[in-house]
Amino acid sequence: MVQSKIRYLVDLLEFRNGISSIRVNTEHSSPVSETDKYVRRWFVGLVTLRPLRMNDLKSPIDTFKTRTVGQARRVGFYTGDMKLEAVYADRQQVKDMKREDSHL
């Protein structure tokens, strides 16, 4: 289900001005805390024609989050311990996140 929603997010982003290509990368991650059982992160890399601001991506990200959580709840897939975050980060911030994961 998550993969189809990631494809949906990519479709939403492809129609934004200033984005020339999109690449998706997924990886398992160390649990953020001792109570977390499983963490999977999806990184959606964008090649842009001009600098983007968070406001340029807010609408498609919010739509993605709303639809993904809503559908997961409707089919009984979403549980109380699940968490969906979709945030904008530049390349250096992503590198820092991955480095922090490797130290956990």
N, C-alpha and C. Protein backbone atom coordinates (compact mmCIF):
# COMPACT_ATOMS: atom_id res chain seq x y z
N MET A 1 0.81 -1.19 0.00
CA MET A 1 0.00 0.00 0.00
C MET A 1 0.86 1.26 0.00
N VAL A 2 1.93 1.26 0.76
CA VAL A 2 2.78 2.45 0.84
C VAL A 2 3.41 2.74 -0.51
N GLN A 3 3.85 1.72 -1.22
CA GLN A 3 4.47 1.95 -2.52
C GLN A 3 3.51 2.63 -3.49
N SER A 4 2.25 2.22 -3.49
CA SER A 4 1.29 2.87 -4.39
C SER A 4 1.07 4.32 -4.00
N LYS A 5 1.10 4.61 -2.71
CA LYS A 5 0.93 5.99 -2.26
C LYS A 5 2.17 6.83 -2.58
N ILE A 6 3.34 6.21 -2.53
CA ILE A 6 4.56 6.93 -2.94
C ILE A 6 4.46 7.28 -4.42
N ARG A 7 3.97 6.34 -5.24
CA ARG A 7 3.77 6.63 -6.66
C ARG A 7 2.78 7.78 -6.84
N TYR A 8 1.74 7.80 -6.01
CA TYR A 8 0.77 8.88 -6.05
C TYR A 8 1.44 10.22 -5.72
N LEU A 9 2.30 10.25 -4.70
CA LEU A 9 3.03 11.47 -4.35
C LEU A 9 3.92 11.91 -5.51
N VAL A 10 4.58 10.97 -6.14
CA VAL A 10 5.43 11.30 -7.29
C VAL A 10 4.58 11.94 -8.39
N ASP A 11 3.41 11.37 -8.64
CA ASP A 11 2.51 11.94 -9.64
C ASP A 11 2.12 13.38 -9.28
N LEU A 12 1.81 13.61 -8.01
CA LEU A 12 1.47 14.97 -7.58
C LEU A 12 2.63 15.94 -7.80
N LEU A 13 3.84 15.47 -7.49
CA LEU A 13 5.01 16.34 -7.60
C LEU A 13 5.41 16.60 -9.05
N GLU A 14 5.15 15.64 -9.93
CA GLU A 14 5.55 15.81 -11.33
C GLU A 14 4.84 17.00 -11.99
N PHE A 15 3.69 17.39 -11.46
CA PHE A 15 2.96 18.49 -12.05
C PHE A 15 3.33 19.84 -11.46
N ARG A 16 4.30 19.87 -10.56
CA ARG A 16 4.75 21.13 -9.97
C ARG A 16 5.75 21.78 -10.91
N ASN A 17 5.62 23.09 -11.06
CA ASN A 17 6.61 23.83 -11.85
C ASN A 17 7.96 23.80 -11.14
N GLY A 18 8.99 23.67 -11.91
CA GLY A 18 10.33 23.73 -11.35
C GLY A 18 10.95 22.39 -11.01
N ILE A 19 10.23 21.29 -11.15
CA ILE A 19 10.78 19.97 -10.86
C ILE A 19 11.06 19.26 -12.18
N SER A 20 12.32 18.88 -12.39
CA SER A 20 12.67 18.24 -13.66
C SER A 20 12.74 16.72 -13.56
N SER A 21 13.06 16.18 -12.39
CA SER A 21 13.03 14.72 -12.24
C SER A 21 12.88 14.35 -10.77
N ILE A 22 12.40 13.12 -10.55
CA ILE A 22 12.12 12.63 -9.20
C ILE A 22 12.68 11.23 -9.07
N ARG A 23 13.31 10.94 -7.94
CA ARG A 23 13.86 9.61 -7.67
C ARG A 23 13.43 9.18 -6.28
N VAL A 24 13.01 7.92 -6.15
CA VAL A 24 12.55 7.39 -4.87
C VAL A 24 13.57 6.37 -4.37
N ASN A 25 13.88 6.46 -3.08
CA ASN A 25 14.82 5.54 -2.45
C ASN A 25 14.22 5.14 -1.10
N THR A 26 14.22 3.86 -0.82
CA THR A 26 13.71 3.39 0.46
C THR A 26 14.81 2.67 1.22
N GLU A 27 14.76 2.74 2.52
CA GLU A 27 15.73 2.00 3.33
C GLU A 27 15.17 1.74 4.72
N HIS A 28 15.63 0.65 5.29
CA HIS A 28 15.29 0.36 6.68
C HIS A 28 16.16 1.24 7.54
N SER A 29 15.65 1.57 8.69
CA SER A 29 16.35 2.49 9.56
C SER A 29 16.33 1.94 10.97
N SER A 30 17.27 2.38 11.77
CA SER A 30 17.26 2.01 13.17
C SER A 30 16.04 2.60 13.83
N PRO A 31 15.42 1.91 14.78
CA PRO A 31 14.29 2.50 15.50
C PRO A 31 14.70 3.82 16.14
N VAL A 32 13.80 4.79 16.10
CA VAL A 32 14.09 6.11 16.66
C VAL A 32 14.16 6.05 18.18
N SER A 33 13.37 5.18 18.78
CA SER A 33 13.41 5.01 20.23
C SER A 33 13.29 3.53 20.54
N GLU A 34 13.46 3.19 21.82
CA GLU A 34 13.41 1.78 22.21
C GLU A 34 12.02 1.19 22.04
N THR A 35 10.98 2.02 22.00
CA THR A 35 9.63 1.50 21.85
C THR A 35 9.26 1.26 20.38
N ASP A 36 10.04 1.81 19.46
CA ASP A 36 9.77 1.60 18.04
C ASP A 36 10.22 0.20 17.64
N LYS A 37 9.36 -0.51 16.91
CA LYS A 37 9.68 -1.87 16.49
C LYS A 37 10.31 -1.90 15.10
N TYR A 38 9.87 -1.01 14.24
CA TYR A 38 10.28 -1.08 12.85
C TYR A 38 10.20 0.31 12.24
N VAL A 39 11.20 0.67 11.51
CA VAL A 39 11.21 1.97 10.84
C VAL A 39 11.61 1.75 9.39
N ARG A 40 10.83 2.32 8.50
CA ARG A 40 11.17 2.30 7.09
C ARG A 40 11.04 3.73 6.59
N ARG A 41 12.08 4.21 5.96
CA ARG A 41 12.08 5.58 5.45
C ARG A 41 12.10 5.55 3.93
N TRP A 42 11.31 6.43 3.36
CA TRP A 42 11.27 6.61 1.92
C TRP A 42 11.78 8.01 1.64
N PHE A 43 12.79 8.13 0.82
CA PHE A 43 13.32 9.43 0.44
C PHE A 43 12.94 9.68 -1.01
N VAL A 44 12.33 10.83 -1.25
CA VAL A 44 11.94 11.21 -2.60
C VAL A 44 12.84 12.37 -2.99
N GLY A 45 13.79 12.09 -3.88
CA GLY A 45 14.74 13.10 -4.32
C GLY A 45 14.20 13.87 -5.51
N LEU A 46 14.35 15.18 -5.46
CA LEU A 46 13.87 16.04 -6.53
C LEU A 46 15.04 16.77 -7.18
N VAL A 47 15.05 16.79 -8.50
CA VAL A 47 15.96 17.65 -9.23
C VAL A 47 15.13 18.83 -9.70
N THR A 48 15.55 20.01 -9.30
CA THR A 48 14.74 21.19 -9.57
C THR A 48 15.41 22.11 -10.59
N LEU A 49 14.56 22.84 -11.28
CA LEU A 49 15.04 23.83 -12.25
C LEU A 49 15.31 25.17 -11.58
N ARG A 50 14.75 25.35 -10.40
CA ARG A 50 14.93 26.58 -9.62
C ARG A 50 14.84 26.19 -8.15
N PRO A 51 15.36 27.02 -7.26
CA PRO A 51 15.23 26.70 -5.84
C PRO A 51 13.76 26.64 -5.43
N LEU A 52 13.42 25.63 -4.64
CA LEU A 52 12.05 25.47 -4.14
C LEU A 52 11.99 25.86 -2.68
N ARG A 53 10.82 26.31 -2.28
CA ARG A 53 10.55 26.58 -0.87
C ARG A 53 9.59 25.51 -0.38
N MET A 54 9.47 25.36 0.91
CA MET A 54 8.55 24.39 1.48
C MET A 54 7.12 24.67 1.01
N ASN A 55 6.77 25.94 0.84
CA ASN A 55 5.42 26.27 0.39
C ASN A 55 5.12 25.68 -0.99
N ASP A 56 6.14 25.51 -1.83
CA ASP A 56 5.95 24.92 -3.15
C ASP A 56 5.53 23.45 -3.05
N LEU A 57 5.89 22.80 -1.96
CA LEU A 57 5.64 21.36 -1.81
C LEU A 57 4.56 21.06 -0.76
N LYS A 58 4.10 22.06 -0.05
CA LYS A 58 3.16 21.84 1.05
C LYS A 58 1.87 21.14 0.60
N SER A 59 1.27 21.61 -0.47
CA SER A 59 0.00 21.04 -0.92
C SER A 59 0.12 19.57 -1.30
N PRO A 60 1.08 19.18 -2.16
CA PRO A 60 1.16 17.75 -2.49
C PRO A 60 1.54 16.88 -1.30
N ILE A 61 2.37 17.38 -0.39
CA ILE A 61 2.76 16.60 0.78
C ILE A 61 1.56 16.42 1.72
N ASP A 62 0.80 17.48 1.94
CA ASP A 62 -0.38 17.38 2.80
C ASP A 62 -1.41 16.42 2.20
N THR A 63 -1.63 16.50 0.89
CA THR A 63 -2.56 15.60 0.22
C THR A 63 -2.10 14.15 0.36
N PHE A 64 -0.82 13.91 0.18
CA PHE A 64 -0.25 12.57 0.32
C PHE A 64 -0.49 12.02 1.73
N LYS A 65 -0.19 12.81 2.75
CA LYS A 65 -0.36 12.36 4.12
C LYS A 65 -1.82 12.07 4.44
N THR A 66 -2.71 12.96 4.06
CA THR A 66 -4.14 12.79 4.34
C THR A 66 -4.68 11.52 3.68
N ARG A 67 -4.38 11.34 2.41
CA ARG A 67 -4.90 10.17 1.68
C ARG A 67 -4.29 8.86 2.18
N THR A 68 -3.01 8.87 2.47
CA THR A 68 -2.35 7.64 2.91
C THR A 68 -2.88 7.18 4.26
N VAL A 69 -2.94 8.07 5.22
CA VAL A 69 -3.45 7.71 6.55
C VAL A 69 -4.94 7.35 6.47
N GLY A 70 -5.70 8.12 5.72
CA GLY A 70 -7.14 7.85 5.58
C GLY A 70 -7.41 6.47 5.00
N GLN A 71 -6.71 6.12 3.94
CA GLN A 71 -6.93 4.81 3.34
C GLN A 71 -6.46 3.69 4.27
N ALA A 72 -5.33 3.90 4.93
CA ALA A 72 -4.83 2.88 5.85
C ALA A 72 -5.81 2.63 6.99
N ARG A 73 -6.44 3.68 7.48
CA ARG A 73 -7.45 3.52 8.54
C ARG A 73 -8.69 2.79 8.01
N ARG A 74 -9.13 3.14 6.80
CA ARG A 74 -10.33 2.51 6.24
C ARG A 74 -10.16 1.01 6.04
N VAL A 75 -8.97 0.57 5.67
CA VAL A 75 -8.77 -0.86 5.43
C VAL A 75 -8.25 -1.59 6.67
N GLY A 76 -8.11 -0.86 7.79
CA GLY A 76 -7.67 -1.48 9.03
C GLY A 76 -6.17 -1.74 9.12
N PHE A 77 -5.40 -1.08 8.27
CA PHE A 77 -3.96 -1.27 8.25
C PHE A 77 -3.23 -0.37 9.24
N TYR A 78 -3.81 0.77 9.53
CA TYR A 78 -3.18 1.77 10.39
C TYR A 78 -3.42 1.44 11.85
N THR A 79 -2.36 1.40 12.64
CA THR A 79 -2.49 1.15 14.07
C THR A 79 -1.98 2.36 14.85
N GLY A 80 -2.32 2.41 16.13
CA GLY A 80 -1.97 3.55 16.96
C GLY A 80 -0.48 3.81 17.10
N ASP A 81 0.35 2.78 16.91
CA ASP A 81 1.79 2.99 17.08
C ASP A 81 2.48 3.37 15.77
N MET A 82 1.72 3.53 14.70
CA MET A 82 2.30 3.92 13.42
C MET A 82 2.39 5.44 13.33
N LYS A 83 3.37 5.89 12.57
CA LYS A 83 3.58 7.32 12.42
C LYS A 83 4.00 7.60 10.98
N LEU A 84 3.37 8.58 10.37
CA LEU A 84 3.71 8.98 9.01
C LEU A 84 4.19 10.42 9.06
N GLU A 85 5.40 10.62 8.61
CA GLU A 85 5.95 11.97 8.52
C GLU A 85 6.35 12.18 7.07
N ALA A 86 6.02 13.33 6.57
CA ALA A 86 6.46 13.73 5.24
C ALA A 86 6.97 15.15 5.36
N VAL A 87 8.26 15.32 5.20
CA VAL A 87 8.87 16.62 5.39
C VAL A 87 9.81 16.93 4.23
N TYR A 88 10.01 18.21 4.02
CA TYR A 88 10.98 18.66 3.02
C TYR A 88 12.34 18.80 3.69
N ALA A 89 13.35 18.27 3.07
CA ALA A 89 14.72 18.41 3.58
C ALA A 89 15.65 18.56 2.39
N ASP A 90 16.64 19.43 2.53
CA ASP A 90 17.60 19.55 1.44
C ASP A 90 18.62 18.42 1.54
N ARG A 91 19.49 18.32 0.57
CA ARG A 91 20.42 17.19 0.48
C ARG A 91 21.27 17.04 1.74
N GLN A 92 21.77 18.14 2.28
CA GLN A 92 22.61 18.06 3.48
C GLN A 92 21.81 17.57 4.68
N GLN A 93 20.57 18.01 4.81
CA GLN A 93 19.73 17.55 5.92
C GLN A 93 19.47 16.05 5.82
N VAL A 94 19.27 15.54 4.62
CA VAL A 94 19.07 14.10 4.44
C VAL A 94 20.33 13.34 4.82
N LYS A 95 21.48 13.84 4.42
CA LYS A 95 22.75 13.19 4.80
C LYS A 95 22.90 13.17 6.32
N ASP A 96 22.53 14.28 6.97
CA ASP A 96 22.62 14.35 8.43
C ASP A 96 21.67 13.34 9.09
N MET A 97 20.44 13.20 8.55
CA MET A 97 19.49 12.23 9.10
C MET A 97 20.04 10.81 8.98
N LYS A 98 20.61 10.50 7.83
CA LYS A 98 21.15 9.16 7.63
C LYS A 98 22.34 8.91 8.56
N ARG A 99 23.17 9.92 8.77
CA ARG A 99 24.32 9.79 9.66
C ARG A 99 23.85 9.57 11.10
N GLU A 100 22.81 10.31 11.53
CA GLU A 100 22.26 10.12 12.88
C GLU A 100 21.72 8.71 13.05
N ASP A 101 21.06 8.18 12.02
CA ASP A 101 20.54 6.81 12.08
C ASP A 101 21.65 5.80 12.29
N SER A 102 22.77 6.03 11.64
CA SER A 102 23.85 5.05 11.75
C SER A 102 24.48 5.03 13.14
N HIS A 103 24.24 6.08 13.94
CA HIS A 103 24.79 6.13 15.29
C HIS A 103 23.85 5.58 16.35
N LEU A 104 22.61 5.24 15.96
CA LEU A 104 21.65 4.71 16.94
C LEU A 104 21.89 3.25 17.22
